[in-house]
C-alpha cells in the first residue's frame, strides 16, 4: 500500500462522503477539499456543533464526580459540545453573587470550572446550563419583591422552592449578574436555561411589579382569573408573551456584551408547540431569531413524548433565517 499524504486523504474523504449520499460526485482537487474543510471550521460554533452531550449534575454529585470517565466518554462518542450545570437555583462553582447558593455538596470544589476546562482542553464547545425560575428561602426572605405571589400576597412555590417573577429584579438584575460572572471566569461559548420563562398561563402573579407594569401597559388592573371575555385577561396574555421575548433579548445582550458576538443565550424549549404556548413562549418568534434552538422535552408518554424533539418542527414554524432581535407576534389562543 502506498503512503497517503494529508491533502490526498482530504480529497478522497470528501469524495467518499458525497458518494455515500447517492448523488453524482463532482471531481475535487486536494486544494478544493482543504478549502472546504477550512470553510466548515470557520463557521460559528453553533453552526458546526452537532453532537451534544448533557451532564445532569445533582447537588450530591460534586463529592463523587469522575471527570476522567466523562472525558473518555466524550471521546468515545465523538461528542462535540457539552451542556454543563452552572448556576441559577444553585451554583456549581464558587459564586460571588450575593445569595447565589452553592450546591449542597459543592464544598470548596469548582465542579463547573473543572468540567469546562476539561471540555475546552478536549476541543469541545461548552454550554453553561442555568435554572432561573426558582430560589431557596433565604433569597426570598432577602428579596421578597423578586418573587411571584397570588392575589392574597402568598408566595407561589414548587416544593420547598419559591418561584421568581419574570417582571422583577431577579430577571432584570440578578440573572444578568450571574451570566456576566460565568462568562468572565469560564468563557463558555454560550448558555442554555432549563426553565427560564417563569409561571405558566395557569397562574396569575399579583406581585407589586406585575401590578405596576401591567397598569402601565394596559391602564387596567390585573385579571383575577381566566376569562377570555375579559379584555384585561386578553391583554395580560399578550403582555406575558412579550415579556418572555424581552427576557430572551435581554439575556442575549448581556452574554454577547460580556463574551463577544457569538456568546449566545439560547434558553431551552419544549418540543411541543402547545407546551410552549402554555409557558408564554412565542415559538415562531423564537425560532425565527435564535441562532440555535435547544429542545428539552422529557415527557414519557407515547402520545407526546421524546418524538416531539424533532428539529423539523422548529424549522417548520420558522419562516426565515435568524435575525437580530425578537419581535412580538400575536400568539395562537389556547382555551
Protein backbone atom coordinates (compact mmCIF):
# COMPACT_ATOMS: atom_id res chain seq x y z
CA UNK A 1 0.00 0.00 0.00
CA UNK A 2 1.34 3.40 -0.99
CA UNK A 3 1.57 6.05 1.76
CA UNK A 4 -1.04 8.78 1.58
CA UNK A 5 -0.49 12.41 2.46
CA UNK A 6 -2.94 14.70 4.24
CA UNK A 7 -4.09 16.59 1.14
CA UNK A 8 -4.80 13.41 -0.80
CA UNK A 9 -6.67 11.97 2.17
CA UNK A 10 -8.86 15.09 2.46
CA UNK A 11 -9.74 14.93 -1.20
CA UNK A 12 -10.59 11.23 -1.08
CA UNK A 13 -12.58 11.61 2.14
CA UNK A 14 -14.67 14.44 0.70
CA UNK A 15 -15.40 12.37 -2.41
CA UNK A 16 -16.35 9.31 -0.34
CA UNK A 17 -18.72 11.37 1.82
CA UNK A 18 -20.60 12.68 -1.19
CA UNK A 19 -20.63 9.22 -2.80
CA UNK A 20 -22.43 7.76 0.20
CA UNK A 21 -25.34 10.10 -0.37
CA UNK A 22 -26.09 8.57 -3.76
CA UNK A 23 -25.69 11.87 -5.64
CA UNK A 24 -23.27 12.39 -8.55
CA UNK A 25 -19.75 13.01 -7.31
CA UNK A 26 -18.03 16.07 -8.75
CA UNK A 27 -14.28 15.92 -9.05
CA UNK A 28 -12.48 17.79 -6.27
CA UNK A 29 -8.85 18.63 -6.06
CA UNK A 30 -6.91 18.44 -2.81
CA UNK A 31 -6.77 22.28 -2.51
CA UNK A 32 -10.56 22.42 -3.03
CA UNK A 33 -11.09 19.82 -0.31
CA UNK A 34 -8.79 21.75 2.00
CA UNK A 35 -10.70 24.97 1.30
CA UNK A 36 -14.00 23.23 2.02
CA UNK A 37 -12.70 21.91 5.33
CA UNK A 38 -11.35 25.35 6.30
CA UNK A 39 -14.69 26.97 5.48
CA UNK A 40 -16.53 24.48 7.68
CA UNK A 41 -14.26 25.10 10.66
CA UNK A 42 -14.62 28.87 10.27
CA UNK A 43 -18.36 28.69 10.94
CA UNK A 44 -19.50 29.92 14.38
CA UNK A 45 -19.66 27.16 16.95
CA UNK A 46 -23.46 26.94 16.89
CA UNK A 47 -23.39 26.16 13.15
CA UNK A 48 -20.86 23.33 13.39
CA UNK A 49 -21.54 21.68 16.77
CA UNK A 50 -23.95 18.86 16.01
CA UNK A 51 -23.40 16.09 18.55
CA UNK A 52 -24.22 17.24 22.07
CA UNK A 53 -23.90 15.66 25.49
CA UNK A 54 -25.59 16.88 28.67
CA UNK A 55 -24.36 16.30 32.20
CA UNK A 56 -27.35 16.46 34.55
CA UNK A 57 -25.46 17.19 37.75
CA UNK A 58 -27.30 16.90 41.05
CA UNK A 59 -26.40 18.61 44.31
CA UNK A 60 -24.77 15.49 45.75
CA UNK A 61 -22.55 14.88 42.72
CA UNK A 62 -19.62 17.24 43.46
CA UNK A 63 -18.15 14.81 46.00
CA UNK A 64 -18.17 11.89 43.54
CA UNK A 65 -17.95 13.33 40.04
CA UNK A 66 -15.49 11.43 37.84
CA UNK A 67 -14.33 13.88 35.17
CA UNK A 68 -11.77 11.45 33.74
CA UNK A 69 -14.56 8.98 32.96
CA UNK A 70 -16.56 11.68 31.19
CA UNK A 71 -13.59 12.75 29.10
CA UNK A 72 -13.24 9.19 27.86
CA UNK A 73 -16.99 9.10 27.18
CA UNK A 74 -16.84 12.33 25.16
CA UNK A 75 -14.01 10.93 23.06
CA UNK A 76 -15.62 7.52 22.58
CA UNK A 77 -18.94 9.07 21.49
CA UNK A 78 -17.34 11.80 19.33
CA UNK A 79 -19.17 14.45 21.34
CA UNK A 80 -18.65 18.00 20.02
CA UNK A 81 -20.40 20.07 22.69
CA UNK A 82 -21.49 19.60 26.30
CA UNK A 83 -24.18 21.22 28.42
CA UNK A 84 -22.91 21.62 31.98
CA UNK A 85 -24.88 22.77 35.04
CA UNK A 86 -23.59 26.17 36.12
CA UNK A 87 -25.93 28.34 38.23
CA UNK A 88 -29.35 29.74 38.97
CA UNK A 89 -31.18 27.84 41.70
CA UNK A 90 -27.79 26.64 42.95
CA UNK A 91 -24.22 27.30 41.81
CA UNK A 92 -21.82 24.56 40.80
CA UNK A 93 -18.90 26.96 41.08
CA UNK A 94 -17.77 29.39 43.83
CA UNK A 95 -20.01 32.38 43.07
CA UNK A 96 -19.54 35.92 44.35
CA UNK A 97 -23.11 36.97 43.52
CA UNK A 98 -24.90 37.56 46.85
CA UNK A 99 -27.11 34.66 47.96
CA UNK A 100 -26.28 32.59 44.88
CA UNK A 101 -26.44 29.43 46.89
CA UNK A 102 -23.74 26.76 46.33
CA UNK A 103 -24.86 23.20 45.60
CA UNK A 104 -25.37 21.13 48.73
CA UNK A 105 -22.18 19.06 48.42
CA UNK A 106 -20.06 21.56 46.49
CA UNK A 107 -17.80 22.37 49.44
CA UNK A 108 -14.76 24.16 48.08
CA UNK A 109 -14.90 22.44 44.70
CA UNK A 110 -15.33 24.29 41.40
CA UNK A 111 -17.08 21.50 39.52
CA UNK A 112 -18.37 23.63 36.67
CA UNK A 113 -14.92 25.14 36.20
CA UNK A 114 -13.20 21.75 36.20
CA UNK A 115 -15.64 20.32 33.65
CA UNK A 116 -15.45 23.42 31.46
CA UNK A 117 -11.66 23.36 31.39
CA UNK A 118 -11.61 19.65 30.59
CA UNK A 119 -14.10 20.11 27.77
CA UNK A 120 -12.21 23.04 26.29
CA UNK A 121 -8.92 21.16 26.51
CA UNK A 122 -10.56 18.33 24.56
CA UNK A 123 -11.78 20.74 21.89
CA UNK A 124 -15.45 20.71 22.93
CA UNK A 125 -17.92 23.57 22.99
CA UNK A 126 -19.41 24.41 26.41
CA UNK A 127 -22.99 25.46 27.03
CA UNK A 128 -23.39 26.70 30.61
CA UNK A 129 -26.76 25.49 31.83
CA UNK A 130 -28.86 27.70 34.10
CA UNK A 131 -32.06 27.19 36.12
CA UNK A 132 -33.56 30.65 36.52
CA UNK A 133 -37.10 30.35 37.78
CA UNK A 134 -36.85 29.35 41.47
CA UNK A 135 -34.80 30.01 44.57
CA UNK A 136 -34.41 28.99 48.20
CA UNK A 137 -35.99 30.64 51.20
CA UNK A 138 -33.01 32.80 52.15
CA UNK A 139 -33.20 34.66 48.84
CA UNK A 140 -36.96 35.03 49.21
CA UNK A 141 -36.54 36.48 52.71
CA UNK A 142 -33.93 38.95 51.47
CA UNK A 143 -35.80 39.99 48.29
CA UNK A 144 -39.47 39.09 48.56
CA UNK A 145 -40.26 41.56 45.74
CA UNK A 146 -38.39 39.27 43.32
CA UNK A 147 -40.98 36.51 43.68
CA UNK A 148 -44.42 35.61 42.34
CA UNK A 149 -47.41 35.84 44.68
CA UNK A 150 -51.13 35.13 44.40
CA UNK A 151 -53.97 37.65 44.77
CA UNK A 152 -53.73 37.37 48.58
CA UNK A 153 -49.99 38.01 48.59
CA UNK A 154 -48.95 34.42 49.29
CA UNK A 155 -45.77 33.27 47.51
CA UNK A 156 -46.02 30.73 44.72
CA UNK A 157 -43.91 27.68 45.49
CA UNK A 158 -42.72 24.48 43.86
CA UNK A 159 -41.99 22.15 46.73
CA UNK A 160 -39.60 23.95 49.05
CA UNK A 161 -38.52 26.45 46.40
CA UNK A 162 -40.02 29.89 45.78
CA UNK A 163 -40.93 30.81 42.19
CA UNK A 164 -39.37 34.01 40.89
CA UNK A 165 -41.37 36.60 38.95
CA UNK A 166 -40.37 37.43 35.38
CA UNK A 167 -41.22 41.10 35.94
CA UNK A 168 -38.94 41.68 38.91
CA UNK A 169 -35.26 42.43 39.55
CA UNK A 170 -34.44 38.72 39.73
CA UNK A 171 -34.66 38.56 35.93
CA UNK A 172 -33.53 42.12 35.22
CA UNK A 173 -30.53 42.26 37.57
CA UNK A 174 -29.72 39.03 39.41
CA UNK A 175 -29.60 36.59 36.50
CA UNK A 176 -27.60 39.03 34.32
CA UNK A 177 -25.08 39.35 37.16
CA UNK A 178 -24.68 35.56 37.26
CA UNK A 179 -24.31 35.36 33.48
CA UNK A 180 -21.57 38.01 33.50
CA UNK A 181 -19.73 36.27 36.32
CA UNK A 182 -19.73 32.93 34.50
CA UNK A 183 -18.53 34.49 31.24
CA UNK A 184 -15.71 36.38 32.98
CA UNK A 185 -14.49 33.35 34.91
CA UNK A 186 -15.01 30.45 32.50
CA UNK A 187 -15.65 31.77 28.97
CA UNK A 188 -18.33 29.29 27.88
CA UNK A 189 -19.40 29.50 24.25
CA UNK A 190 -22.99 30.13 25.34
CA UNK A 191 -25.82 29.49 27.79
CA UNK A 192 -28.93 27.38 28.00
CA UNK A 193 -31.58 27.61 30.69
CA UNK A 194 -33.63 24.65 31.81
CA UNK A 195 -36.60 26.74 32.96
CA UNK A 196 -36.36 30.39 32.02
CA UNK A 197 -39.91 31.62 31.43
CA UNK A 198 -41.41 31.69 34.92
CA UNK A 199 -45.02 30.94 35.76
CA UNK A 200 -47.22 29.42 33.07
CA UNK A 201 -50.60 30.52 31.79
CA UNK A 202 -52.45 28.75 34.57
CA UNK A 203 -51.25 31.16 37.29
CA UNK A 204 -51.58 34.94 37.53
CA UNK A 205 -48.88 36.68 39.54
CA UNK A 206 -50.08 39.63 41.65
CA UNK A 207 -46.74 40.90 42.92
CA UNK A 208 -46.14 44.65 43.09
CA UNK A 209 -44.01 44.58 39.93
CA UNK A 210 -46.72 42.84 37.91
CA UNK A 211 -49.45 45.14 39.20
CA UNK A 212 -47.46 48.26 38.37
CA UNK A 213 -46.13 47.16 35.00
CA UNK A 214 -49.46 45.77 33.78
CA UNK A 215 -51.23 49.01 34.67
CA UNK A 216 -48.54 50.96 32.82
CA UNK A 217 -49.07 48.72 29.79
CA UNK A 218 -52.86 48.46 29.75
CA UNK A 219 -54.24 51.08 32.17
CA UNK A 220 -56.08 48.18 33.84
CA UNK A 221 -55.84 46.11 36.99
CA UNK A 222 -54.60 42.55 36.71
CA UNK A 223 -57.31 39.97 35.97
CA UNK A 224 -58.06 37.66 38.86
CA UNK A 225 -58.97 34.60 36.79
CA UNK A 226 -59.01 33.13 33.30
CA UNK A 227 -61.74 34.79 31.27
CA UNK A 228 -61.35 35.25 27.51
CA UNK A 229 -64.34 37.59 27.54
CA UNK A 230 -62.41 39.98 29.78
CA UNK A 231 -60.29 42.45 27.74
CA UNK A 232 -57.83 42.71 30.65
CA UNK A 233 -57.23 38.97 30.54
CA UNK A 234 -56.54 39.04 26.81
CA UNK A 235 -54.12 41.92 27.32
CA UNK A 236 -52.48 40.03 30.16
CA UNK A 237 -51.85 37.09 27.80
CA UNK A 238 -50.24 39.31 25.15
CA UNK A 239 -48.21 41.16 27.78
CA UNK A 240 -46.78 37.90 29.11
CA UNK A 241 -45.75 36.66 25.67
CA UNK A 242 -43.98 39.96 25.03
CA UNK A 243 -42.17 39.80 28.35
CA UNK A 244 -40.66 36.39 27.57
CA UNK A 245 -39.30 37.76 24.31
CA UNK A 246 -37.86 40.71 26.23
CA UNK A 247 -36.09 38.30 28.59
CA UNK A 248 -34.66 36.37 25.64
CA UNK A 249 -33.29 39.57 24.12
CA UNK A 250 -32.01 40.90 27.46
CA UNK A 251 -30.04 37.75 28.25
CA UNK A 252 -28.51 37.72 24.77
CA UNK A 253 -27.45 41.35 25.13
CA UNK A 254 -25.80 40.52 28.44
CA UNK A 255 -23.92 37.42 27.25
CA UNK A 256 -22.79 39.00 23.98
CA UNK A 257 -21.60 42.15 25.73
CA UNK A 258 -19.61 40.05 28.20
CA UNK A 259 -18.37 37.28 25.90
CA UNK A 260 -18.49 38.55 22.33
CA UNK A 261 -21.00 38.33 19.47
CA UNK A 262 -21.07 34.52 19.41
CA UNK A 263 -21.61 34.10 23.16
CA UNK A 264 -25.33 33.47 22.89
CA UNK A 265 -28.08 32.67 25.36
CA UNK A 266 -30.37 30.01 23.89
CA UNK A 267 -32.75 29.12 26.69
CA UNK A 268 -34.26 25.67 26.38
CA UNK A 269 -37.61 24.97 24.81
CA UNK A 270 -40.16 22.21 24.70
CA UNK A 271 -40.60 20.16 21.57
CA UNK A 272 -44.35 20.65 21.98
CA UNK A 273 -45.83 23.75 20.35
CA UNK A 274 -48.85 23.66 22.70
CA UNK A 275 -46.47 23.26 25.64
CA UNK A 276 -44.58 26.33 24.51
CA UNK A 277 -47.87 28.23 24.42
CA UNK A 278 -48.68 27.24 27.98
CA UNK A 279 -45.33 28.78 29.01
CA UNK A 280 -45.91 32.07 27.13
CA UNK A 281 -43.18 31.22 24.61
CA UNK A 282 -43.82 32.56 21.12
CA UNK A 283 -42.20 29.63 19.34
CA UNK A 284 -42.36 31.27 15.93
CA UNK A 285 -40.64 34.46 17.06
CA UNK A 286 -38.01 32.49 18.97
CA UNK A 287 -37.23 30.15 16.08
CA UNK A 288 -37.04 32.97 13.56
CA UNK A 289 -34.45 34.88 15.53
CA UNK A 290 -32.46 32.38 17.61
CA UNK A 291 -29.01 31.23 16.45
CA UNK A 292 -29.63 27.72 17.75
CA UNK A 293 -32.69 26.02 19.29
CA UNK A 294 -32.23 23.56 22.15
CA UNK A 295 -35.13 21.18 22.81
CA UNK A 296 -35.55 19.70 26.28
CA UNK A 297 -38.82 17.79 26.17
CA UNK A 298 -38.64 14.99 28.72
CA UNK A 299 -42.20 13.69 28.65
CA UNK A 300 -42.51 9.90 28.76
CA UNK A 301 -45.99 9.45 27.25
CA UNK A 302 -46.47 7.60 23.96
CA UNK A 303 -48.62 10.39 22.52
CA UNK A 304 -46.41 13.35 23.38
CA UNK A 305 -43.00 12.07 24.38
CA UNK A 306 -39.47 12.18 23.02
CA UNK A 307 -40.63 12.28 19.40
CA UNK A 308 -41.53 15.95 19.92
CA UNK A 309 -37.80 16.65 19.97
CA UNK A 310 -37.78 16.80 16.18
CA UNK A 311 -35.73 19.62 14.67
CA UNK A 312 -38.05 19.69 11.65
CA UNK A 313 -40.81 21.07 13.85
CA UNK A 314 -38.67 24.11 14.69
CA UNK A 315 -37.79 24.59 11.03
CA UNK A 316 -41.44 24.46 10.02
CA UNK A 317 -42.52 27.24 12.37
CA UNK A 318 -39.59 29.45 11.37
CA UNK A 319 -40.36 31.37 8.20
CA UNK A 320 -36.96 32.95 7.66
CA UNK A 321 -33.33 32.90 8.67
CA UNK A 322 -32.23 34.17 12.12
CA UNK A 323 -32.43 37.90 12.65
CA UNK A 324 -31.02 40.37 15.18
CA UNK A 325 -33.84 40.56 17.72
CA UNK A 326 -37.14 39.05 18.76
CA UNK A 327 -40.30 40.78 17.61
CA UNK A 328 -43.65 40.20 19.31
CA UNK A 329 -46.31 38.39 17.35
CA UNK A 330 -49.89 37.54 18.16
CA UNK A 331 -49.95 34.11 19.87
CA UNK A 332 -52.43 31.41 18.98
CA UNK A 333 -55.16 31.48 21.60
CA UNK A 334 -55.45 28.25 23.56
CA UNK A 335 -58.57 27.67 25.65
